[in-house]
C-alpha atoms as a PDB file:
ATOM      1  CA  UNK A   1       0.041  -0.017  -0.045  1.00  0.00           C
ATOM      2  CA  UNK A   2       1.298   3.655  -0.767  1.00  0.00           C
ATOM      3  CA  UNK A   3       0.296   6.647   1.326  1.00  0.00           C
ATOM      4  CA  UNK A   4       0.198   9.978   0.003  1.00  0.00           C
ATOM      5  CA  UNK A   5      -0.069  13.467   1.272  1.00  0.00           C
ATOM      6  CA  UNK A   6      -0.462  16.727  -1.178  1.00  0.00           C
ATOM      7  CA  UNK A   7      -0.246  20.216   0.385  1.00  0.00           C
ATOM      8  CA  UNK A   8      -0.854  23.416  -1.241  1.00  0.00           C
ATOM      9  CA  UNK A   9       0.476  26.629   0.207  1.00  0.00           C
ATOM     10  CA  UNK A  10      -1.098  29.678  -0.947  1.00  0.00           C
ATOM     11  CA  UNK A  11       1.846  32.368  -1.023  1.00  0.00           C
ATOM     12  CA  UNK A  12       2.985  35.296  -2.821  1.00  0.00           C
ATOM     13  CA  UNK A  13       5.167  34.644  -5.838  1.00  0.00           C
ATOM     14  CA  UNK A  14       8.253  35.991  -3.932  1.00  0.00           C
ATOM     15  CA  UNK A  15       7.823  33.867  -0.871  1.00  0.00           C
ATOM     16  CA  UNK A  16       7.017  30.656  -3.022  1.00  0.00           C
ATOM     17  CA  UNK A  17      10.044  31.122  -5.159  1.00  0.00           C
ATOM     18  CA  UNK A  18      12.084  31.608  -1.867  1.00  0.00           C
ATOM     19  CA  UNK A  19      10.781  28.295  -0.447  1.00  0.00           C
ATOM     20  CA  UNK A  20      11.190  26.601  -3.492  1.00  0.00           C
ATOM     21  CA  UNK A  21      14.743  27.226  -3.871  1.00  0.00           C
ATOM     22  CA  UNK A  22      15.289  26.657  -0.176  1.00  0.00           C
ATOM     23  CA  UNK A  23      13.644  23.133  -0.149  1.00  0.00           C
ATOM     24  CA  UNK A  24      14.926  21.854  -3.548  1.00  0.00           C
ATOM     25  CA  UNK A  25      18.121  20.340  -2.098  1.00  0.00           C
ATOM     26  CA  UNK A  26      16.168  18.559   0.568  1.00  0.00           C
ATOM     27  CA  UNK A  27      13.684  17.208  -2.283  1.00  0.00           C
ATOM     28  CA  UNK A  28      16.331  15.757  -4.451  1.00  0.00           C
ATOM     29  CA  UNK A  29      17.913  14.082  -1.386  1.00  0.00           C
ATOM     30  CA  UNK A  30      15.477  12.614   0.877  1.00  0.00           C
ATOM     31  CA  UNK A  31      17.362  10.455   3.241  1.00  0.00           C
ATOM     32  CA  UNK A  32      14.610   7.831   3.378  1.00  0.00           C
ATOM     33  CA  UNK A  33      14.082   4.890   0.952  1.00  0.00           C
ATOM     34  CA  UNK A  34      10.527   4.598   2.455  1.00  0.00           C
ATOM     35  CA  UNK A  35       9.460   8.169   1.341  1.00  0.00           C
ATOM     36  CA  UNK A  36       9.575  10.355  -1.806  1.00  0.00           C
ATOM     37  CA  UNK A  37       8.961  13.968  -2.176  1.00  0.00           C
ATOM     38  CA  UNK A  38       8.121  16.324  -5.004  1.00  0.00           C
ATOM     39  CA  UNK A  39       7.841  20.057  -5.039  1.00  0.00           C
ATOM     40  CA  UNK A  40       6.318  22.171  -7.472  1.00  0.00           C
ATOM     41  CA  UNK A  41       6.396  26.014  -7.921  1.00  0.00           C
ATOM     42  CA  UNK A  42       3.187  27.465  -9.097  1.00  0.00           C
ATOM     43  CA  UNK A  43       2.053  30.999  -9.835  1.00  0.00           C
ATOM     44  CA  UNK A  44      -0.064  31.219  -6.655  1.00  0.00           C
ATOM     45  CA  UNK A  45       2.137  29.027  -4.319  1.00  0.00           C
ATOM     46  CA  UNK A  46       3.903  25.619  -4.074  1.00  0.00           C
ATOM     47  CA  UNK A  47       2.589  22.186  -4.143  1.00  0.00           C
ATOM     48  CA  UNK A  48       4.376  19.685  -1.845  1.00  0.00           C
ATOM     49  CA  UNK A  49       3.445  15.994  -2.632  1.00  0.00           C
ATOM     50  CA  UNK A  50       4.624  13.048  -0.339  1.00  0.00           C
ATOM     51  CA  UNK A  51       4.483   9.586  -1.019  1.00  0.00           C
ATOM     52  CA  UNK A  52       5.335   6.928   1.485  1.00  0.00           C
ATOM     53  CA  UNK A  53       5.396   3.122   2.060  1.00  0.00           C
ATOM     54  CA  UNK A  54       3.728   3.519   5.329  1.00  0.00           C
ATOM     55  CA  UNK A  55       2.260   5.968   7.530  1.00  0.00           C
ATOM     56  CA  UNK A  56       4.951   6.193   9.763  1.00  0.00           C
ATOM     57  CA  UNK A  57       7.236   7.359   6.870  1.00  0.00           C
ATOM     58  CA  UNK A  58       4.554   9.622   5.679  1.00  0.00           C
ATOM     59  CA  UNK A  59       4.157  11.354   9.064  1.00  0.00           C
ATOM     60  CA  UNK A  60       8.091  11.704   9.493  1.00  0.00           C
ATOM     61  CA  UNK A  61       8.296  13.213   5.925  1.00  0.00           C
ATOM     62  CA  UNK A  62       5.638  15.452   6.129  1.00  0.00           C
ATOM     63  CA  UNK A  63       6.641  16.766   9.631  1.00  0.00           C
ATOM     64  CA  UNK A  64      10.172  17.389   8.216  1.00  0.00           C
ATOM     65  CA  UNK A  65       9.298  19.466   5.195  1.00  0.00           C
ATOM     66  CA  UNK A  66       6.451  21.337   7.039  1.00  0.00           C
ATOM     67  CA  UNK A  67       9.106  22.183   9.618  1.00  0.00           C
ATOM     68  CA  UNK A  68      11.308  23.251   6.967  1.00  0.00           C
ATOM     69  CA  UNK A  69       8.768  25.460   5.160  1.00  0.00           C
ATOM     70  CA  UNK A  70       7.899  27.073   8.800  1.00  0.00           C
ATOM     71  CA  UNK A  71      11.545  27.941   9.300  1.00  0.00           C
ATOM     72  CA  UNK A  72      11.898  29.396   5.877  1.00  0.00           C
ATOM     73  CA  UNK A  73       8.722  31.628   6.097  1.00  0.00           C
ATOM     74  CA  UNK A  74       9.626  32.697   9.773  1.00  0.00           C
ATOM     75  CA  UNK A  75      13.127  33.804   8.529  1.00  0.00           C
ATOM     76  CA  UNK A  76      11.935  35.807   5.331  1.00  0.00           C
ATOM     77  CA  UNK A  77       8.908  37.290   7.270  1.00  0.00           C
ATOM     78  CA  UNK A  78      11.263  38.397  10.020  1.00  0.00           C
ATOM     79  CA  UNK A  79      13.233  40.489   7.564  1.00  0.00           C
END
């Protein structure tokens, strides 16, 4: 069985671009064999798609990437 999660973040163009660039290296090198991540930059935000072999891997990957996104947003919004 494969577990999937899609999260769309409605963001401004500049914030979306910054987050996309910040997360791209992490997306290309996900440390788990049990999960895969895709990130898509769109005009009105970012689509984060996670697929995992089991719910534990899905939860771990989603927590990690949502925390990455939160960290980047907090950083750019505090400038």
